[in-house]
Amino acid sequence: MSDLKVINFMRLRSLASVLSLILVVGSLATLLTKGINWGLDFTGGTLIELVYDKPVKTADIREQLAAEGYDNVVVQEFGSAEDILVRIPGDDPKLGATVSKLLGQNYEGKVEAVRVEFVGPQVGDRLRDQGGLGMLFAMVLITLYIAFRFQFKFSVGAILSLAHDVIFTLGLFSFLQLQFDLTVLAALLAVIGYSLNDTIIVYDRIRENFRKLRKGDAIEVINVSLTQTLGRTLATSGTTLMVLLSLFLFGGEMIHNFAMALIVGVGIGTYSSIYIASNMLVYMKISREDLIVPVKENEELDQIP
């Protein structure tokens, strides 16, 4: 320990608390005023399967439809570059024929709509409700797990950290009006798992140092623990962000928002592990007494001479 240069992370804890409060309140205000730009997975729409006689680019199809006034359209390959899926708002039964005719006007070849399906808003509502319940259920289980493995004060910090990450990510999507579909929901669940993993590693070191170090108050022990885990955190977050940036830049529009949600989530999750999860331990006055392993009655009797 004498060779370790301890970084005073908690020196900025008051400033970080104010910053986090501003971010959460701002995110909630944005969600209430602007709402979420739900994708077709949640709002419903028409799915059209188009078959071309030669490979085409989805970006070109998307541009053609946007030029004709079709907004919030999802275009993706369906097994090959000739088989294209188009998801578009609306429930007009003639939409498939209209879209295939429109795309065929500037195409030197044949394009045909082979399947047209309508997904009603009831299905989207059910997906939205189930997704929200899934996140709440995951957070409840996480709270119980942290409280059982560590101590109740740790579970409060962990759940506030996860809620902070999710609210900020949702607020950013609302502010930028990025489309929220099932891939983004999956990214949010992945963010919860990533942030929790980082928090547990920090908590494990804090608990170990509370029992190991005989000197120092809670802030000093937390600073030592964060310093010891910093290298691992930077290595993990750095390599993860490199992969996500590659997906964001070169993965195509279909996973653009998915990668965006994960990039934001990994960044804010690393921050919250330090300045939300660990900071809450200071506010809740964590002490060595909270982490003392209780001695069983039989063990006490055995120690009596």
C-alpha atoms as a PDB file:
ATOM      1  CA  MET A   1       0.000   0.000   0.000  1.00  0.00           C
ATOM      2  CA  SER A   2       2.891   2.377   0.694  1.00  0.00           C
ATOM      3  CA  ASP A   3       3.935   2.262  -2.984  1.00  0.00           C
ATOM      4  CA  LEU A   4       0.403   3.049  -4.211  1.00  0.00           C
ATOM      5  CA  LYS A   5      -0.350   6.669  -5.032  1.00  0.00           C
ATOM      6  CA  VAL A   6      -3.938   7.020  -3.884  1.00  0.00           C
ATOM      7  CA  ILE A   7      -6.183   9.214  -6.034  1.00  0.00           C
ATOM      8  CA  ASN A   8      -8.587  11.354  -4.049  1.00  0.00           C
ATOM      9  CA  PHE A   9     -11.743  10.557  -6.029  1.00  0.00           C
ATOM     10  CA  MET A  10     -14.039  11.607  -3.195  1.00  0.00           C
ATOM     11  CA  ARG A  11     -12.617  15.136  -3.251  1.00  0.00           C
ATOM     12  CA  LEU A  12     -15.071  15.819  -6.095  1.00  0.00           C
ATOM     13  CA  ARG A  13     -17.988  13.940  -4.604  1.00  0.00           C
ATOM     14  CA  SER A  14     -20.075  17.042  -3.776  1.00  0.00           C
ATOM     15  CA  LEU A  15     -19.583  18.460  -7.270  1.00  0.00           C
ATOM     16  CA  ALA A  16     -20.392  15.061  -8.780  1.00  0.00           C
ATOM     17  CA  SER A  17     -23.562  14.821  -6.689  1.00  0.00           C
ATOM     18  CA  VAL A  18     -24.763  18.183  -7.994  1.00  0.00           C
ATOM     19  CA  LEU A  19     -23.875  17.197 -11.575  1.00  0.00           C
ATOM     20  CA  SER A  20     -25.722  13.880 -11.282  1.00  0.00           C
ATOM     21  CA  LEU A  21     -28.778  15.596  -9.824  1.00  0.00           C
ATOM     22  CA  ILE A  22     -28.813  18.059 -12.737  1.00  0.00           C
ATOM     23  CA  LEU A  23     -28.460  15.221 -15.269  1.00  0.00           C
ATOM     24  CA  VAL A  24     -31.267  13.162 -13.725  1.00  0.00           C
ATOM     25  CA  VAL A  25     -33.672  16.109 -13.321  1.00  0.00           C
ATOM     26  CA  GLY A  26     -32.876  17.306 -16.849  1.00  0.00           C
ATOM     27  CA  SER A  27     -33.419  13.815 -18.265  1.00  0.00           C
ATOM     28  CA  LEU A  28     -36.758  13.433 -16.478  1.00  0.00           C
ATOM     29  CA  ALA A  29     -37.864  16.878 -17.677  1.00  0.00           C
ATOM     30  CA  THR A  30     -36.949  15.964 -21.253  1.00  0.00           C
ATOM     31  CA  LEU A  31     -38.809  12.661 -20.999  1.00  0.00           C
ATOM     32  CA  LEU A  32     -41.924  14.439 -19.693  1.00  0.00           C
ATOM     33  CA  THR A  33     -41.885  17.238 -22.287  1.00  0.00           C
ATOM     34  CA  LYS A  34     -40.545  15.582 -25.436  1.00  0.00           C
ATOM     35  CA  GLY A  35     -41.239  11.940 -24.710  1.00  0.00           C
ATOM     36  CA  ILE A  36     -39.550   9.002 -26.411  1.00  0.00           C
ATOM     37  CA  ASN A  37     -39.423   8.556 -30.153  1.00  0.00           C
ATOM     38  CA  TRP A  38     -40.788   5.006 -30.170  1.00  0.00           C
ATOM     39  CA  GLY A  39     -39.813   2.805 -33.098  1.00  0.00           C
ATOM     40  CA  LEU A  40     -42.182   0.647 -35.119  1.00  0.00           C
ATOM     41  CA  ASP A  41     -41.541  -2.256 -32.730  1.00  0.00           C
ATOM     42  CA  PHE A  42     -43.630  -0.338 -30.177  1.00  0.00           C
ATOM     43  CA  THR A  43     -45.968   1.869 -32.221  1.00  0.00           C
ATOM     44  CA  GLY A  44     -47.024  -0.649 -34.861  1.00  0.00           C
ATOM     45  CA  GLY A  45     -46.811  -0.351 -38.632  1.00  0.00           C
ATOM     46  CA  THR A  46     -46.577  -2.303 -41.844  1.00  0.00           C
ATOM     47  CA  LEU A  47     -43.849  -4.793 -42.674  1.00  0.00           C
ATOM     48  CA  ILE A  48     -43.141  -5.239 -46.376  1.00  0.00           C
ATOM     49  CA  GLU A  49     -40.808  -7.875 -47.815  1.00  0.00           C
ATOM     50  CA  LEU A  50     -39.413  -6.814 -51.187  1.00  0.00           C
ATOM     51  CA  VAL A  51     -37.527  -9.041 -53.624  1.00  0.00           C
ATOM     52  CA  TYR A  52     -35.160  -7.450 -56.139  1.00  0.00           C
ATOM     53  CA  ASP A  53     -33.682  -9.248 -59.143  1.00  0.00           C
ATOM     54  CA  LYS A  54     -30.166  -8.061 -58.193  1.00  0.00           C
ATOM     55  CA  PRO A  55     -28.382  -6.796 -55.065  1.00  0.00           C
ATOM     56  CA  VAL A  56     -29.325  -3.311 -53.820  1.00  0.00           C
ATOM     57  CA  LYS A  57     -28.150  -0.999 -51.051  1.00  0.00           C
ATOM     58  CA  THR A  58     -30.472  -0.398 -48.127  1.00  0.00           C
ATOM     59  CA  ALA A  59     -29.209   3.197 -47.835  1.00  0.00           C
ATOM     60  CA  ASP A  60     -30.422   3.933 -51.384  1.00  0.00           C
ATOM     61  CA  ILE A  61     -33.873   2.504 -50.595  1.00  0.00           C
ATOM     62  CA  ARG A  62     -34.059   4.530 -47.403  1.00  0.00           C
ATOM     63  CA  GLU A  63     -33.169   7.722 -49.280  1.00  0.00           C
ATOM     64  CA  GLN A  64     -35.820   7.053 -51.947  1.00  0.00           C
ATOM     65  CA  LEU A  65     -38.536   6.572 -49.360  1.00  0.00           C
ATOM     66  CA  ALA A  66     -37.445   9.632 -47.361  1.00  0.00           C
ATOM     67  CA  ALA A  67     -37.567  11.746 -50.520  1.00  0.00           C
ATOM     68  CA  GLU A  68     -41.207  10.694 -51.005  1.00  0.00           C
ATOM     69  CA  GLY A  69     -42.154  11.690 -47.461  1.00  0.00           C
ATOM     70  CA  TYR A  70     -41.956   8.344 -45.682  1.00  0.00           C
ATOM     71  CA  ASP A  71     -40.341   9.085 -42.313  1.00  0.00           C
ATOM     72  CA  ASN A  72     -39.199   6.692 -39.566  1.00  0.00           C
ATOM     73  CA  VAL A  73     -38.728   3.904 -42.072  1.00  0.00           C
ATOM     74  CA  VAL A  74     -36.619   0.869 -41.177  1.00  0.00           C
ATOM     75  CA  VAL A  75     -34.884  -0.858 -44.093  1.00  0.00           C
ATOM     76  CA  GLN A  76     -32.758  -3.974 -43.696  1.00  0.00           C
ATOM     77  CA  GLU A  77     -31.516  -6.992 -45.614  1.00  0.00           C
ATOM     78  CA  PHE A  78     -33.423 -10.214 -45.029  1.00  0.00           C
ATOM     79  CA  GLY A  79     -30.969 -13.023 -45.671  1.00  0.00           C
ATOM     80  CA  SER A  80     -29.474 -11.573 -48.865  1.00  0.00           C
ATOM     81  CA  ALA A  81     -28.872  -8.274 -50.626  1.00  0.00           C
ATOM     82  CA  GLU A  82     -31.822  -9.002 -52.950  1.00  0.00           C
ATOM     83  CA  ASP A  83     -34.350  -9.677 -50.179  1.00  0.00           C
ATOM     84  CA  ILE A  84     -35.260  -6.483 -48.315  1.00  0.00           C
ATOM     85  CA  LEU A  85     -37.507  -5.856 -45.318  1.00  0.00           C
ATOM     86  CA  VAL A  86     -39.152  -2.439 -45.017  1.00  0.00           C
ATOM     87  CA  ARG A  87     -40.981  -1.439 -41.846  1.00  0.00           C
ATOM     88  CA  ILE A  88     -43.049   1.669 -42.310  1.00  0.00           C
ATOM     89  CA  PRO A  89     -45.735   3.480 -40.268  1.00  0.00           C
ATOM     90  CA  GLY A  90     -49.312   3.035 -41.413  1.00  0.00           C
ATOM     91  CA  ASP A  91     -51.884   0.288 -41.868  1.00  0.00           C
ATOM     92  CA  ASP A  92     -52.989   0.832 -45.479  1.00  0.00           C
ATOM     93  CA  PRO A  93     -53.497  -2.626 -47.096  1.00  0.00           C
ATOM     94  CA  LYS A  94     -52.303  -1.164 -50.406  1.00  0.00           C
ATOM     95  CA  LEU A  95     -49.079   0.137 -48.883  1.00  0.00           C
ATOM     96  CA  GLY A  96     -47.036  -2.822 -50.125  1.00  0.00           C
ATOM     97  CA  ALA A  97     -48.018  -2.270 -53.744  1.00  0.00           C
ATOM     98  CA  THR A  98     -47.532   1.491 -53.406  1.00  0.00           C
ATOM     99  CA  VAL A  99     -44.022   1.148 -51.973  1.00  0.00           C
ATOM    100  CA  SER A 100     -42.885  -1.498 -54.473  1.00  0.00           C
ATOM    101  CA  LYS A 101     -44.173   0.644 -57.363  1.00  0.00           C
ATOM    102  CA  LEU A 102     -42.445   3.714 -55.959  1.00  0.00           C
ATOM    103  CA  LEU A 103     -39.105   1.926 -55.552  1.00  0.00           C
ATOM    104  CA  GLY A 104     -39.394   0.366 -58.993  1.00  0.00           C
ATOM    105  CA  GLN A 105     -39.710   3.716 -60.765  1.00  0.00           C
ATOM    106  CA  ASN A 106     -35.974   4.537 -60.572  1.00  0.00           C
ATOM    107  CA  TYR A 107     -34.767   0.938 -60.588  1.00  0.00           C
ATOM    108  CA  GLU A 108     -33.520  -0.789 -63.716  1.00  0.00           C
ATOM    109  CA  GLY A 109     -34.984  -4.198 -63.051  1.00  0.00           C
ATOM    110  CA  LYS A 110     -37.832  -5.872 -61.215  1.00  0.00           C
ATOM    111  CA  VAL A 111     -38.933  -5.317 -57.632  1.00  0.00           C
ATOM    112  CA  GLU A 112     -41.871  -7.163 -56.093  1.00  0.00           C
ATOM    113  CA  ALA A 113     -43.635  -7.101 -52.732  1.00  0.00           C
ATOM    114  CA  VAL A 114     -43.954 -10.767 -51.705  1.00  0.00           C
ATOM    115  CA  ARG A 115     -45.210 -10.243 -48.139  1.00  0.00           C
ATOM    116  CA  VAL A 116     -47.146  -7.504 -46.390  1.00  0.00           C
ATOM    117  CA  GLU A 117     -47.963  -7.740 -42.667  1.00  0.00           C
ATOM    118  CA  PHE A 118     -49.463  -5.225 -40.256  1.00  0.00           C
ATOM    119  CA  VAL A 119     -48.359  -5.015 -36.610  1.00  0.00           C
ATOM    120  CA  GLY A 120     -50.988  -3.265 -34.504  1.00  0.00           C
ATOM    121  CA  PRO A 121     -50.215  -0.772 -31.738  1.00  0.00           C
ATOM    122  CA  GLN A 122     -51.586  -3.228 -29.162  1.00  0.00           C
ATOM    123  CA  VAL A 123     -48.578  -5.468 -29.787  1.00  0.00           C
ATOM    124  CA  GLY A 124     -46.272  -2.463 -29.407  1.00  0.00           C
ATOM    125  CA  ASP A 125     -47.933  -1.453 -26.153  1.00  0.00           C
ATOM    126  CA  ARG A 126     -47.453  -4.956 -24.792  1.00  0.00           C
ATOM    127  CA  LEU A 127     -43.793  -4.968 -25.794  1.00  0.00           C
ATOM    128  CA  ARG A 128     -43.268  -1.576 -24.131  1.00  0.00           C
ATOM    129  CA  ASP A 129     -45.007  -2.649 -20.920  1.00  0.00           C
ATOM    130  CA  GLN A 130     -43.160  -5.953 -20.749  1.00  0.00           C
ATOM    131  CA  GLY A 131     -39.827  -4.261 -21.436  1.00  0.00           C
ATOM    132  CA  GLY A 132     -40.408  -1.746 -18.640  1.00  0.00           C
ATOM    133  CA  LEU A 133     -41.495  -4.469 -16.226  1.00  0.00           C
ATOM    134  CA  GLY A 134     -38.426  -6.500 -17.203  1.00  0.00           C
ATOM    135  CA  MET A 135     -36.108  -3.631 -16.232  1.00  0.00           C
ATOM    136  CA  LEU A 136     -37.932  -3.049 -12.938  1.00  0.00           C
ATOM    137  CA  PHE A 137     -37.840  -6.753 -12.113  1.00  0.00           C
ATOM    138  CA  ALA A 138     -34.112  -6.870 -12.883  1.00  0.00           C
ATOM    139  CA  MET A 139     -33.467  -3.924 -10.553  1.00  0.00           C
ATOM    140  CA  VAL A 140     -35.447  -5.518  -7.716  1.00  0.00           C
ATOM    141  CA  LEU A 141     -33.447  -8.741  -8.029  1.00  0.00           C
ATOM    142  CA  ILE A 142     -30.213  -6.735  -8.148  1.00  0.00           C
ATOM    143  CA  THR A 143     -31.171  -4.919  -4.944  1.00  0.00           C
ATOM    144  CA  LEU A 144     -31.837  -8.198  -3.152  1.00  0.00           C
ATOM    145  CA  TYR A 145     -28.612  -9.727  -4.469  1.00  0.00           C
ATOM    146  CA  ILE A 146     -26.426  -6.788  -3.389  1.00  0.00           C
ATOM    147  CA  ALA A 147     -28.100  -6.616   0.023  1.00  0.00           C
ATOM    148  CA  PHE A 148     -27.543 -10.352   0.526  1.00  0.00           C
ATOM    149  CA  ARG A 149     -23.959 -10.436  -0.744  1.00  0.00           C
ATOM    150  CA  PHE A 150     -22.750  -7.209   0.837  1.00  0.00           C
ATOM    151  CA  GLN A 151     -24.976  -5.092   3.071  1.00  0.00           C
ATOM    152  CA  PHE A 152     -28.149  -3.029   2.736  1.00  0.00           C
ATOM    153  CA  LYS A 153     -26.268   0.262   2.369  1.00  0.00           C
ATOM    154  CA  PHE A 154     -24.436  -1.193  -0.617  1.00  0.00           C
ATOM    155  CA  SER A 155     -27.720  -2.155  -2.298  1.00  0.00           C
ATOM    156  CA  VAL A 156     -29.017   1.438  -2.018  1.00  0.00           C
ATOM    157  CA  GLY A 157     -25.928   2.773  -3.775  1.00  0.00           C
ATOM    158  CA  ALA A 158     -26.098   0.090  -6.479  1.00  0.00           C
ATOM    159  CA  ILE A 159     -29.769   0.620  -7.318  1.00  0.00           C
ATOM    160  CA  LEU A 160     -29.408   4.420  -7.401  1.00  0.00           C
ATOM    161  CA  SER A 161     -26.412   4.005  -9.694  1.00  0.00           C
ATOM    162  CA  LEU A 162     -28.359   1.780 -12.110  1.00  0.00           C
ATOM    163  CA  ALA A 163     -31.411   4.061 -12.061  1.00  0.00           C
ATOM    164  CA  HIS A 164     -29.109   7.039 -12.757  1.00  0.00           C
ATOM    165  CA  ASP A 165     -27.600   5.276 -15.791  1.00  0.00           C
ATOM    166  CA  VAL A 166     -30.951   4.220 -17.274  1.00  0.00           C
ATOM    167  CA  ILE A 167     -32.638   7.605 -16.742  1.00  0.00           C
ATOM    168  CA  PHE A 168     -29.709   9.499 -18.281  1.00  0.00           C
ATOM    169  CA  THR A 169     -29.586   7.206 -21.331  1.00  0.00           C
ATOM    170  CA  LEU A 170     -33.345   7.482 -21.863  1.00  0.00           C
ATOM    171  CA  GLY A 171     -33.150  11.254 -21.390  1.00  0.00           C
ATOM    172  CA  LEU A 172     -30.416  11.568 -24.009  1.00  0.00           C
ATOM    173  CA  PHE A 173     -32.453   9.531 -26.519  1.00  0.00           C
ATOM    174  CA  SER A 174     -35.462  11.734 -25.763  1.00  0.00           C
ATOM    175  CA  PHE A 175     -33.484  14.975 -26.104  1.00  0.00           C
ATOM    176  CA  LEU A 176     -31.954  13.904 -29.439  1.00  0.00           C
ATOM    177  CA  GLN A 177     -35.223  12.208 -30.500  1.00  0.00           C
ATOM    178  CA  LEU A 178     -33.336   9.073 -31.507  1.00  0.00           C
ATOM    179  CA  GLN A 179     -35.599   6.183 -32.374  1.00  0.00           C
ATOM    180  CA  PHE A 180     -36.143   3.744 -29.507  1.00  0.00           C
ATOM    181  CA  ASP A 181     -36.717   0.185 -30.706  1.00  0.00           C
ATOM    182  CA  LEU A 182     -36.158  -3.329 -29.358  1.00  0.00           C
ATOM    183  CA  THR A 183     -32.407  -3.181 -30.038  1.00  0.00           C
ATOM    184  CA  VAL A 184     -32.115  -0.082 -27.827  1.00  0.00           C
ATOM    185  CA  LEU A 185     -34.142  -1.820 -25.110  1.00  0.00           C
ATOM    186  CA  ALA A 186     -31.689  -4.724 -25.308  1.00  0.00           C
ATOM    187  CA  ALA A 187     -28.824  -2.231 -25.045  1.00  0.00           C
ATOM    188  CA  LEU A 188     -30.361  -0.730 -21.885  1.00  0.00           C
ATOM    189  CA  LEU A 189     -30.537  -4.162 -20.265  1.00  0.00           C
ATOM    190  CA  ALA A 190     -26.905  -4.732 -21.269  1.00  0.00           C
ATOM    191  CA  VAL A 191     -25.992  -1.371 -19.693  1.00  0.00           C
ATOM    192  CA  ILE A 192     -27.603  -2.494 -16.424  1.00  0.00           C
ATOM    193  CA  GLY A 193     -25.521  -5.672 -16.471  1.00  0.00           C
ATOM    194  CA  TYR A 194     -22.285  -3.848 -17.343  1.00  0.00           C
ATOM    195  CA  SER A 195     -22.749  -1.133 -14.728  1.00  0.00           C
ATOM    196  CA  LEU A 196     -23.664  -3.710 -12.085  1.00  0.00           C
ATOM    197  CA  ASN A 197     -20.551  -5.757 -12.833  1.00  0.00           C
ATOM    198  CA  ASP A 198     -18.339  -2.689 -12.455  1.00  0.00           C
ATOM    199  CA  THR A 199     -20.101  -1.694  -9.235  1.00  0.00           C
ATOM    200  CA  ILE A 200     -19.756  -5.157  -7.688  1.00  0.00           C
ATOM    201  CA  ILE A 201     -16.003  -5.213  -8.359  1.00  0.00           C
ATOM    202  CA  VAL A 202     -15.610  -1.820  -6.676  1.00  0.00           C
ATOM    203  CA  TYR A 203     -17.827  -2.870  -3.760  1.00  0.00           C
ATOM    204  CA  ASP A 204     -15.915  -6.098  -3.289  1.00  0.00           C
ATOM    205  CA  ARG A 205     -12.644  -4.179  -2.965  1.00  0.00           C
ATOM    206  CA  ILE A 206     -14.211  -1.631  -0.592  1.00  0.00           C
ATOM    207  CA  ARG A 207     -15.512  -4.396   1.673  1.00  0.00           C
ATOM    208  CA  GLU A 208     -12.143  -6.148   1.604  1.00  0.00           C
ATOM    209  CA  ASN A 209     -10.249  -2.965   2.490  1.00  0.00           C
ATOM    210  CA  PHE A 210     -12.624  -2.054   5.313  1.00  0.00           C
ATOM    211  CA  ARG A 211     -11.695  -5.353   6.933  1.00  0.00           C
ATOM    212  CA  LYS A 212      -8.032  -5.257   5.943  1.00  0.00           C
ATOM    213  CA  LEU A 213      -6.982  -1.647   6.575  1.00  0.00           C
ATOM    214  CA  ARG A 214      -6.809  -0.718  10.241  1.00  0.00           C
ATOM    215  CA  LYS A 215      -6.462   3.026   9.717  1.00  0.00           C
ATOM    216  CA  GLY A 216      -8.418   5.584   7.785  1.00  0.00           C
ATOM    217  CA  ASP A 217     -12.046   6.684   7.628  1.00  0.00           C
ATOM    218  CA  ALA A 218     -14.628   5.657   5.027  1.00  0.00           C
ATOM    219  CA  ILE A 219     -13.507   8.248   2.462  1.00  0.00           C
ATOM    220  CA  GLU A 220      -9.871   7.121   2.674  1.00  0.00           C
ATOM    221  CA  VAL A 221     -10.797   3.438   2.355  1.00  0.00           C
ATOM    222  CA  ILE A 222     -13.042   4.161  -0.653  1.00  0.00           C
ATOM    223  CA  ASN A 223     -10.304   6.226  -2.339  1.00  0.00           C
ATOM    224  CA  VAL A 224      -7.815   3.373  -1.872  1.00  0.00           C
ATOM    225  CA  SER A 225     -10.314   0.859  -3.257  1.00  0.00           C
ATOM    226  CA  LEU A 226     -11.165   2.968  -6.298  1.00  0.00           C
ATOM    227  CA  THR A 227      -7.479   3.544  -7.013  1.00  0.00           C
ATOM    228  CA  GLN A 228      -6.803  -0.197  -6.860  1.00  0.00           C
ATOM    229  CA  THR A 229      -9.633  -0.997  -9.300  1.00  0.00           C
ATOM    230  CA  LEU A 230      -8.975   1.942 -11.634  1.00  0.00           C
ATOM    231  CA  GLY A 231      -6.609   0.021 -13.922  1.00  0.00           C
ATOM    232  CA  ARG A 232      -9.074  -2.814 -14.389  1.00  0.00           C
ATOM    233  CA  THR A 233     -11.947  -0.361 -14.979  1.00  0.00           C
ATOM    234  CA  LEU A 234     -10.065   1.628 -17.612  1.00  0.00           C
ATOM    235  CA  ALA A 235      -8.916  -1.516 -19.414  1.00  0.00           C
ATOM    236  CA  THR A 236     -12.404  -3.017 -19.508  1.00  0.00           C
ATOM    237  CA  SER A 237     -14.218   0.196 -20.409  1.00  0.00           C
ATOM    238  CA  GLY A 238     -11.572   1.180 -22.951  1.00  0.00           C
ATOM    239  CA  THR A 239     -11.636  -2.089 -24.893  1.00  0.00           C
ATOM    240  CA  THR A 240     -15.443  -2.202 -24.755  1.00  0.00           C
ATOM    241  CA  LEU A 241     -15.718   1.351 -26.075  1.00  0.00           C
ATOM    242  CA  MET A 242     -13.305   0.580 -28.930  1.00  0.00           C
ATOM    243  CA  VAL A 243     -15.583  -2.232 -30.124  1.00  0.00           C
ATOM    244  CA  LEU A 244     -18.712  -0.131 -29.693  1.00  0.00           C
ATOM    245  CA  LEU A 245     -17.203   2.802 -31.593  1.00  0.00           C
ATOM    246  CA  SER A 246     -16.418   0.445 -34.469  1.00  0.00           C
ATOM    247  CA  LEU A 247     -20.029  -0.736 -34.480  1.00  0.00           C
ATOM    248  CA  PHE A 248     -21.279   2.838 -34.286  1.00  0.00           C
ATOM    249  CA  LEU A 249     -19.126   4.051 -37.175  1.00  0.00           C
ATOM    250  CA  PHE A 250     -19.131   1.030 -39.486  1.00  0.00           C
ATOM    251  CA  GLY A 251     -21.994  -1.209 -38.352  1.00  0.00           C
ATOM    252  CA  GLY A 252     -24.659   0.466 -40.453  1.00  0.00           C
ATOM    253  CA  GLU A 253     -27.829   2.324 -39.565  1.00  0.00           C
ATOM    254  CA  MET A 254     -29.644  -0.739 -38.225  1.00  0.00           C
ATOM    255  CA  ILE A 255     -27.421  -0.979 -35.142  1.00  0.00           C
ATOM    256  CA  HIS A 256     -26.521   2.714 -34.946  1.00  0.00           C
ATOM    257  CA  ASN A 257     -28.819   3.481 -32.013  1.00  0.00           C
ATOM    258  CA  PHE A 258     -27.973   0.173 -30.333  1.00  0.00           C
ATOM    259  CA  ALA A 259     -24.268   1.080 -30.338  1.00  0.00           C
ATOM    260  CA  MET A 260     -25.078   4.653 -29.269  1.00  0.00           C
ATOM    261  CA  ALA A 261     -27.015   3.449 -26.218  1.00  0.00           C
ATOM    262  CA  LEU A 262     -24.185   1.139 -25.189  1.00  0.00           C
ATOM    263  CA  ILE A 263     -21.501   3.806 -25.645  1.00  0.00           C
ATOM    264  CA  VAL A 264     -23.444   6.234 -23.462  1.00  0.00           C
ATOM    265  CA  GLY A 265     -24.258   3.479 -20.973  1.00  0.00           C
ATOM    266  CA  VAL A 266     -20.675   2.261 -20.597  1.00  0.00           C
ATOM    267  CA  GLY A 267     -19.388   5.806 -20.121  1.00  0.00           C
ATOM    268  CA  ILE A 268     -22.020   6.870 -17.597  1.00  0.00           C
ATOM    269  CA  GLY A 269     -21.835   3.456 -15.902  1.00  0.00           C
ATOM    270  CA  THR A 270     -18.125   3.888 -15.222  1.00  0.00           C
ATOM    271  CA  TYR A 271     -18.794   7.341 -13.784  1.00  0.00           C
ATOM    272  CA  SER A 272     -21.700   6.145 -11.615  1.00  0.00           C
ATOM    273  CA  SER A 273     -19.690   3.279 -10.115  1.00  0.00           C
ATOM    274  CA  ILE A 274     -17.405   5.919  -8.610  1.00  0.00           C
ATOM    275  CA  TYR A 275     -19.581   8.928  -7.932  1.00  0.00           C
ATOM    276  CA  ILE A 276     -22.988   7.348  -7.310  1.00  0.00           C
ATOM    277  CA  ALA A 277     -22.492   3.825  -5.959  1.00  0.00           C
ATOM    278  CA  SER A 278     -19.362   4.577  -3.908  1.00  0.00           C
ATOM    279  CA  ASN A 279     -20.429   8.108  -3.012  1.00  0.00           C
ATOM    280  CA  MET A 280     -23.690   6.838  -1.500  1.00  0.00           C
ATOM    281  CA  LEU A 281     -21.696   4.746   0.966  1.00  0.00           C
ATOM    282  CA  VAL A 282     -20.212   7.962   2.335  1.00  0.00           C
ATOM    283  CA  TYR A 283     -23.605   9.663   2.557  1.00  0.00           C
ATOM    284  CA  MET A 284     -25.012   6.606   4.376  1.00  0.00           C
ATOM    285  CA  LYS A 285     -22.057   6.649   6.782  1.00  0.00           C
ATOM    286  CA  ILE A 286     -20.707   3.177   6.031  1.00  0.00           C
ATOM    287  CA  SER A 287     -18.315   1.950   8.726  1.00  0.00           C
ATOM    288  CA  ARG A 288     -16.250  -1.080   9.645  1.00  0.00           C
ATOM    289  CA  GLU A 289     -18.936  -2.116  12.121  1.00  0.00           C
ATOM    290  CA  ASP A 290     -21.387  -2.550   9.236  1.00  0.00           C
ATOM    291  CA  LEU A 291     -19.085  -5.121   7.651  1.00  0.00           C
ATOM    292  CA  ILE A 292     -18.013  -7.128  10.691  1.00  0.00           C
ATOM    293  CA  VAL A 293     -18.815 -10.793  10.205  1.00  0.00           C
ATOM    294  CA  PRO A 294     -21.177 -11.774  13.043  1.00  0.00           C
ATOM    295  CA  VAL A 295     -19.852 -14.451  15.374  1.00  0.00           C
ATOM    296  CA  LYS A 296     -22.181 -17.393  15.795  1.00  0.00           C
ATOM    297  CA  GLU A 297     -23.309 -18.327  19.284  1.00  0.00           C
ATOM    298  CA  ASN A 298     -21.692 -21.766  19.096  1.00  0.00           C
ATOM    299  CA  GLU A 299     -18.364 -20.185  18.145  1.00  0.00           C
ATOM    300  CA  GLU A 300     -18.568 -17.870  21.173  1.00  0.00           C
ATOM    301  CA  LEU A 301     -19.166 -20.835  23.485  1.00  0.00           C
ATOM    302  CA  ASP A 302     -16.196 -22.667  21.991  1.00  0.00           C
ATOM    303  CA  GLN A 303     -13.951 -19.694  22.801  1.00  0.00           C
ATOM    304  CA  ILE A 304     -14.896 -19.798  26.543  1.00  0.00           C
ATOM    305  CA  PRO A 305     -12.104 -21.628  28.457  1.00  0.00           C
END
